[in-house]
Amino acid sequence: MSDFIDSYWSIFIAAITLIGIAWCVWLLSTQRKVTVEQNADGSVADTGHVWDGDLRELNNPLPRWWAWMFLLSCVFGLVYLLLYPGLGSYPGILGYTSDTAYTTSVVKANEELKPIYAKYMELDVQQVAADPKAREMGQRLYLNYCAQCHGSDAGGSKGFPNLTDNDWLYGGSPEMIKTAILQGRSGVMPAFSHLSKDNIVDLSAYVRGLSGLSVDHAKAERGSALFATNCSACHAVDGKGNTAIGAPNLTDKTWLYGSTEATVTESIAKGRNGQMPAHEAILTPEKVQLISAYVWSLTNIRVAQAK
């Protein structure tokens, strides 16, 4: 009902619901009064519908047990609507809400799981990551809470960072990973709409050239001065970025939105606004510890094992 802010809709829906139940009861009562036609020999007359030669549809009255079940279902519906939400915005006598039920179940589950997670809270993230069982637990939690954006393999996608490449916008230490999970991240790059189209093309060429891509050198040379004026404050003079504010390193081969000229030009002209939600109100400290350990292990333990 939250989509219908006018009280009229609440009354309308409640009225339709009650009228529907009342109509069902009325329909049942009218059928109980119908006189069943009988043949001269006392047998029930049929409806005139015959199949397969001699299969007749009889006009028998509704079985009494069925009628009572029908009536009881209507009574059950009325009692349910009295106790629980269902009649428009009426909250029900019991005050039940799905949000409260969900929150209660989450709190109960967290309390039951706390002893299982407790031992990992006494260790630092690196120690937790070194435990294969803990990593498996962290992976399952990751799949529940993080895979929707970063992918089940943590490889990310356009606009969502790859967590396995050791390229971190804010740094890849356990503390920074925890901070990102708890508080979220807001990566905002302003739009440089004050630049002309030609300026943006030149600047795009210079930026792409920083990572070794093939570009028009004349455009890149003109873009160098534009970069120093417009971009170096965040990405640094050498283009290596700044983890303190989450400004990407433009000299490596990692591109969050893609490295084509069209994509880089779009980023400069229109800006970017990446948002990672905070999970502080969603995840317990124990879950954050395990997820942080798993994510940290992706670019540390796995890399070490590969070597």
Protein backbone atom coordinates (compact mmCIF):
# COMPACT_ATOMS: atom_id res chain seq x y z
CA MET A 1 0.00 0.00 0.00
CA SER A 2 3.00 2.34 0.25
CA ASP A 3 2.56 3.20 -3.46
CA PHE A 4 -0.99 4.47 -2.85
CA ILE A 5 -0.65 7.56 -0.68
CA ASP A 6 -4.33 8.59 -0.95
CA SER A 7 -6.52 7.01 1.77
CA TYR A 8 -9.18 6.44 -0.89
CA TRP A 9 -7.23 3.51 -2.29
CA SER A 10 -7.05 1.83 1.11
CA ILE A 11 -10.83 2.08 1.50
CA PHE A 12 -11.39 0.95 -2.08
CA ILE A 13 -9.21 -2.17 -1.76
CA ALA A 14 -10.70 -3.08 1.64
CA ALA A 15 -14.23 -2.69 0.26
CA ILE A 16 -13.52 -4.82 -2.80
CA THR A 17 -12.04 -7.55 -0.58
CA LEU A 18 -15.00 -7.66 1.81
CA ILE A 19 -17.55 -7.46 -1.00
CA GLY A 20 -15.81 -10.37 -2.72
CA ILE A 21 -16.07 -12.56 0.39
CA ALA A 22 -19.69 -11.53 0.96
CA TRP A 23 -20.53 -12.36 -2.65
CA CYS A 24 -19.01 -15.85 -2.26
CA VAL A 25 -21.18 -16.50 0.82
CA TRP A 26 -24.27 -15.18 -1.01
CA LEU A 27 -23.53 -17.36 -4.03
CA LEU A 28 -23.25 -20.43 -1.81
CA SER A 29 -26.53 -19.65 -0.08
CA THR A 30 -28.40 -19.23 -3.36
CA GLN A 31 -27.20 -22.58 -4.64
CA ARG A 32 -28.41 -24.36 -1.52
CA LYS A 33 -31.97 -23.21 -2.30
CA VAL A 34 -31.99 -24.46 -5.88
CA THR A 35 -34.43 -27.34 -6.35
CA VAL A 36 -32.82 -30.28 -8.06
CA GLU A 37 -34.81 -31.61 -10.97
CA GLN A 38 -35.63 -35.31 -10.87
CA ASN A 39 -36.82 -37.81 -13.42
CA ALA A 40 -40.12 -39.70 -13.10
CA ASP A 41 -38.28 -42.66 -11.54
CA GLY A 42 -36.79 -40.42 -8.84
CA SER A 43 -33.28 -40.24 -10.29
CA VAL A 44 -31.47 -36.92 -10.65
CA ALA A 45 -31.95 -35.30 -14.02
CA ASP A 46 -28.89 -34.58 -16.12
CA THR A 47 -27.85 -31.29 -17.68
CA GLY A 48 -28.20 -32.60 -21.20
CA HIS A 49 -24.45 -32.92 -21.68
CA VAL A 50 -23.45 -36.39 -22.85
CA TRP A 51 -19.96 -37.64 -23.80
CA ASP A 52 -18.73 -40.92 -25.21
CA GLY A 53 -22.23 -42.14 -25.82
CA ASP A 54 -23.45 -42.70 -22.26
CA LEU A 55 -21.36 -40.44 -19.99
CA ARG A 56 -23.92 -37.96 -18.63
CA GLU A 57 -23.35 -34.85 -16.54
CA LEU A 58 -25.79 -35.05 -13.64
CA ASN A 59 -27.36 -32.05 -11.96
CA ASN A 60 -26.58 -33.14 -8.40
CA PRO A 61 -26.60 -30.59 -5.57
CA LEU A 62 -23.30 -29.50 -4.05
CA PRO A 63 -22.08 -31.98 -1.43
CA ARG A 64 -22.77 -30.70 2.08
CA TRP A 65 -19.14 -31.25 3.15
CA TRP A 66 -17.97 -29.12 0.23
CA ALA A 67 -20.43 -26.34 1.10
CA TRP A 68 -19.21 -26.29 4.71
CA MET A 69 -15.57 -26.22 3.58
CA PHE A 70 -16.39 -23.31 1.27
CA LEU A 71 -18.12 -21.43 4.08
CA LEU A 72 -15.30 -22.12 6.54
CA SER A 73 -12.75 -20.82 4.05
CA CYS A 74 -14.67 -17.52 3.92
CA VAL A 75 -14.75 -17.36 7.72
CA PHE A 76 -11.01 -18.13 7.81
CA GLY A 77 -10.40 -15.30 5.35
CA LEU A 78 -12.29 -12.81 7.50
CA VAL A 79 -10.45 -13.87 10.67
CA TYR A 80 -7.10 -13.66 8.87
CA LEU A 81 -7.87 -10.15 7.59
CA LEU A 82 -8.84 -9.15 11.13
CA LEU A 83 -5.55 -10.40 12.62
CA TYR A 84 -3.09 -9.58 9.81
CA PRO A 85 -2.65 -6.80 7.22
CA GLY A 86 -4.76 -7.26 4.11
CA LEU A 87 -7.62 -4.79 4.21
CA GLY A 88 -6.00 -1.80 2.58
CA SER A 89 -3.78 -0.02 5.10
CA TYR A 90 -5.40 -1.71 8.12
CA PRO A 91 -2.44 -3.16 10.13
CA GLY A 92 -4.31 -6.03 11.79
CA ILE A 93 -4.83 -6.71 15.49
CA LEU A 94 -1.51 -8.58 15.85
CA GLY A 95 0.47 -5.74 14.26
CA TYR A 96 2.40 -8.15 12.03
CA THR A 97 4.75 -6.80 9.37
CA SER A 98 6.99 -8.73 7.03
CA ASP A 99 9.81 -6.28 7.79
CA THR A 100 9.60 -7.03 11.53
CA ALA A 101 9.43 -10.77 10.87
CA TYR A 102 12.49 -10.58 8.61
CA THR A 103 14.47 -8.49 11.08
CA THR A 104 13.60 -10.87 13.91
CA SER A 105 14.69 -13.89 11.89
CA VAL A 106 17.98 -12.20 10.94
CA VAL A 107 18.75 -11.27 14.55
CA LYS A 108 17.96 -14.82 15.67
CA ALA A 109 20.15 -16.34 12.96
CA ASN A 110 23.03 -14.00 13.78
CA GLU A 111 22.85 -14.95 17.45
CA GLU A 112 22.85 -18.65 16.59
CA LEU A 113 25.84 -18.26 14.25
CA LYS A 114 27.84 -15.97 16.55
CA PRO A 115 29.61 -18.83 18.40
CA ILE A 116 30.73 -20.28 15.05
CA TYR A 117 32.23 -16.98 13.95
CA ALA A 118 33.57 -15.96 17.37
CA LYS A 119 37.03 -17.51 17.04
CA TYR A 120 37.72 -15.56 13.85
CA MET A 121 37.16 -12.26 15.63
CA GLU A 122 40.20 -12.98 17.79
CA LEU A 123 42.42 -13.14 14.68
CA ASP A 124 43.48 -10.46 12.23
CA VAL A 125 42.26 -10.56 8.64
CA GLN A 126 45.46 -12.12 7.30
CA GLN A 127 45.24 -14.96 9.80
CA VAL A 128 41.60 -15.56 8.97
CA ALA A 129 42.43 -15.56 5.26
CA ALA A 130 45.06 -18.23 5.85
CA ASP A 131 42.40 -20.62 7.17
CA PRO A 132 40.85 -22.56 4.22
CA LYS A 133 37.62 -23.17 6.15
CA ALA A 134 37.30 -19.48 6.98
CA ARG A 135 37.87 -18.57 3.32
CA GLU A 136 35.09 -20.94 2.30
CA MET A 137 32.76 -19.31 4.81
CA GLY A 138 33.80 -15.89 3.56
CA GLN A 139 33.20 -16.94 -0.03
CA ARG A 140 29.66 -18.07 0.74
CA LEU A 141 28.96 -14.77 2.47
CA TYR A 142 30.53 -12.94 -0.49
CA LEU A 143 28.22 -14.78 -2.89
CA ASN A 144 25.21 -13.69 -0.83
CA TYR A 145 26.09 -10.03 -0.40
CA CYS A 146 28.66 -9.01 -3.04
CA ALA A 147 28.41 -11.22 -6.12
CA GLN A 148 25.45 -9.30 -7.55
CA CYS A 149 27.81 -6.44 -8.45
CA HIS A 150 31.31 -7.90 -8.45
CA GLY A 151 30.40 -11.27 -9.99
CA SER A 152 30.53 -14.76 -8.52
CA ASP A 153 34.20 -14.98 -9.52
CA ALA A 154 34.90 -11.47 -8.14
CA GLY A 155 35.98 -10.47 -11.64
CA GLY A 156 33.66 -7.45 -11.69
CA SER A 157 32.12 -5.93 -14.79
CA LYS A 158 31.78 -2.51 -16.40
CA GLY A 159 31.54 0.01 -13.57
CA PHE A 160 32.10 -2.64 -10.88
CA PRO A 161 35.73 -3.23 -9.81
CA ASN A 162 37.55 -6.49 -10.36
CA LEU A 163 38.56 -7.71 -6.90
CA THR A 164 41.16 -10.18 -8.17
CA ASP A 165 43.59 -7.92 -10.04
CA ASN A 166 45.29 -6.19 -7.08
CA ASP A 167 44.35 -2.78 -8.49
CA TRP A 168 42.61 -0.92 -5.65
CA LEU A 169 41.07 2.53 -5.93
CA TYR A 170 41.31 3.13 -2.17
CA GLY A 171 44.04 0.65 -1.29
CA GLY A 172 43.92 -3.10 -0.72
CA SER A 173 44.90 -3.35 2.93
CA PRO A 174 42.58 -5.31 5.24
CA GLU A 175 41.58 -2.09 6.99
CA MET A 176 40.62 -0.35 3.74
CA ILE A 177 38.65 -3.38 2.56
CA LYS A 178 36.73 -3.41 5.84
CA THR A 179 36.07 0.32 5.57
CA ALA A 180 34.74 -0.10 2.04
CA ILE A 181 32.37 -2.87 3.13
CA LEU A 182 31.13 -1.08 6.23
CA GLN A 183 30.87 2.50 4.98
CA GLY A 184 30.56 2.01 1.24
CA ARG A 185 32.27 4.12 -1.41
CA SER A 186 31.18 7.05 -3.53
CA GLY A 187 33.40 7.52 -6.55
CA VAL A 188 32.46 10.78 -8.25
CA MET A 189 34.24 12.15 -11.29
CA PRO A 190 32.88 15.54 -12.39
CA ALA A 191 31.81 16.22 -15.94
CA PHE A 192 34.19 18.50 -17.87
CA SER A 193 31.45 20.07 -19.94
CA HIS A 194 33.36 23.35 -20.09
CA LEU A 195 35.86 21.76 -22.47
CA SER A 196 35.25 21.81 -26.19
CA LYS A 197 34.71 18.64 -28.15
CA ASP A 198 38.20 18.89 -29.64
CA ASN A 199 39.71 19.45 -26.19
CA ILE A 200 38.00 16.31 -24.88
CA VAL A 201 39.26 14.28 -27.83
CA ASP A 202 42.82 15.52 -27.22
CA LEU A 203 42.59 14.85 -23.50
CA SER A 204 41.20 11.37 -24.17
CA ALA A 205 44.17 10.63 -26.42
CA TYR A 206 46.63 11.69 -23.73
CA VAL A 207 44.89 9.63 -21.02
CA ARG A 208 44.74 6.52 -23.20
CA GLY A 209 48.38 6.98 -24.14
CA LEU A 210 49.37 6.90 -20.45
CA SER A 211 48.50 3.22 -20.33
CA GLY A 212 50.35 2.39 -23.53
CA LEU A 213 47.39 2.36 -25.92
CA SER A 214 47.90 3.39 -29.52
CA VAL A 215 46.87 7.05 -29.93
CA ASP A 216 47.37 10.04 -32.20
CA HIS A 217 50.56 11.60 -30.78
CA ALA A 218 49.66 15.12 -31.92
CA LYS A 219 46.36 14.95 -30.05
CA ALA A 220 48.03 13.40 -27.01
CA GLU A 221 50.61 16.18 -26.92
CA ARG A 222 47.90 18.83 -26.94
CA GLY A 223 46.02 16.84 -24.29
CA SER A 224 49.04 16.87 -21.96
CA ALA A 225 48.53 20.52 -21.02
CA LEU A 226 44.80 19.95 -20.60
CA PHE A 227 45.50 17.04 -18.26
CA ALA A 228 47.80 19.14 -16.09
CA THR A 229 45.14 21.85 -15.81
CA ASN A 230 42.02 19.73 -15.35
CA CYS A 231 42.96 16.26 -14.13
CA SER A 232 46.22 16.26 -12.19
CA ALA A 233 44.60 17.51 -8.99
CA CYS A 234 42.93 14.10 -8.55
CA HIS A 235 44.91 11.72 -10.74
CA ALA A 236 48.32 13.28 -9.89
CA VAL A 237 50.74 14.89 -12.31
CA ASP A 238 52.05 11.50 -13.45
CA GLY A 239 48.52 10.04 -13.77
CA LYS A 240 49.11 7.37 -11.15
CA GLY A 241 46.02 8.35 -9.18
CA ASN A 242 45.38 8.93 -5.51
CA THR A 243 44.07 6.18 -3.22
CA ALA A 244 43.16 8.75 -0.56
CA ILE A 245 40.25 9.94 -2.70
CA GLY A 246 39.78 6.87 -4.88
CA ALA A 247 41.14 8.49 -8.06
CA PRO A 248 42.16 5.69 -10.48
CA ASN A 249 45.67 5.08 -11.71
CA LEU A 250 45.53 5.97 -15.40
CA THR A 251 48.92 4.48 -16.27
CA ASP A 252 48.05 0.81 -15.80
CA LYS A 253 45.93 -1.37 -18.02
CA THR A 254 42.94 -1.56 -15.65
CA TRP A 255 39.88 0.34 -16.81
CA LEU A 256 36.69 0.38 -14.77
CA TYR A 257 34.44 1.47 -17.64
CA GLY A 258 36.57 0.46 -20.63
CA SER A 259 39.51 1.89 -22.54
CA THR A 260 38.03 2.68 -25.95
CA GLU A 261 38.21 6.24 -27.18
CA ALA A 262 34.42 6.54 -27.05
CA THR A 263 34.28 5.36 -23.43
CA VAL A 264 37.12 7.58 -22.20
CA THR A 265 35.65 10.54 -24.05
CA GLU A 266 32.29 9.88 -22.44
CA SER A 267 33.89 9.72 -18.98
CA ILE A 268 35.53 13.10 -19.48
CA ALA A 269 32.51 14.80 -21.01
CA LYS A 270 29.81 13.39 -18.74
CA GLY A 271 31.70 12.31 -15.63
CA ARG A 272 31.14 9.14 -13.61
CA ASN A 273 29.24 8.46 -10.41
CA GLY A 274 30.05 5.06 -8.90
CA GLN A 275 28.30 4.05 -5.72
CA MET A 276 29.00 1.12 -3.43
CA PRO A 277 26.37 0.85 -0.68
CA ALA A 278 27.36 0.71 2.97
CA HIS A 279 26.78 -2.65 4.64
CA GLU A 280 27.27 -1.55 8.24
CA ALA A 281 23.56 -1.91 8.99
CA ILE A 282 23.30 -5.20 7.10
CA LEU A 283 26.32 -7.27 8.13
CA THR A 284 27.50 -8.24 11.58
CA PRO A 285 31.15 -7.59 12.52
CA GLU A 286 31.77 -11.34 12.25
CA LYS A 287 30.50 -11.46 8.68
CA VAL A 288 32.51 -8.39 7.73
CA GLN A 289 35.62 -10.07 9.13
CA LEU A 290 35.11 -13.19 7.02
CA ILE A 291 34.20 -11.33 3.83
CA SER A 292 37.18 -9.01 4.24
CA ALA A 293 39.46 -12.01 4.68
CA TYR A 294 38.08 -13.68 1.57
CA VAL A 295 38.37 -10.55 -0.58
CA TRP A 296 41.89 -9.86 0.72
CA SER A 297 42.87 -13.46 -0.06
CA LEU A 298 41.86 -13.04 -3.71
CA THR A 299 44.86 -10.82 -4.43
CA ASN A 300 47.26 -12.04 -1.77
CA ILE A 301 47.01 -15.71 -0.86
CA ARG A 302 46.00 -16.81 -4.36
CA VAL A 303 48.78 -14.75 -5.91
CA ALA A 304 51.27 -16.18 -3.43
CA GLN A 305 50.06 -19.72 -4.18
CA ALA A 306 50.36 -19.09 -7.91
CA LYS A 307 53.98 -18.10 -7.49
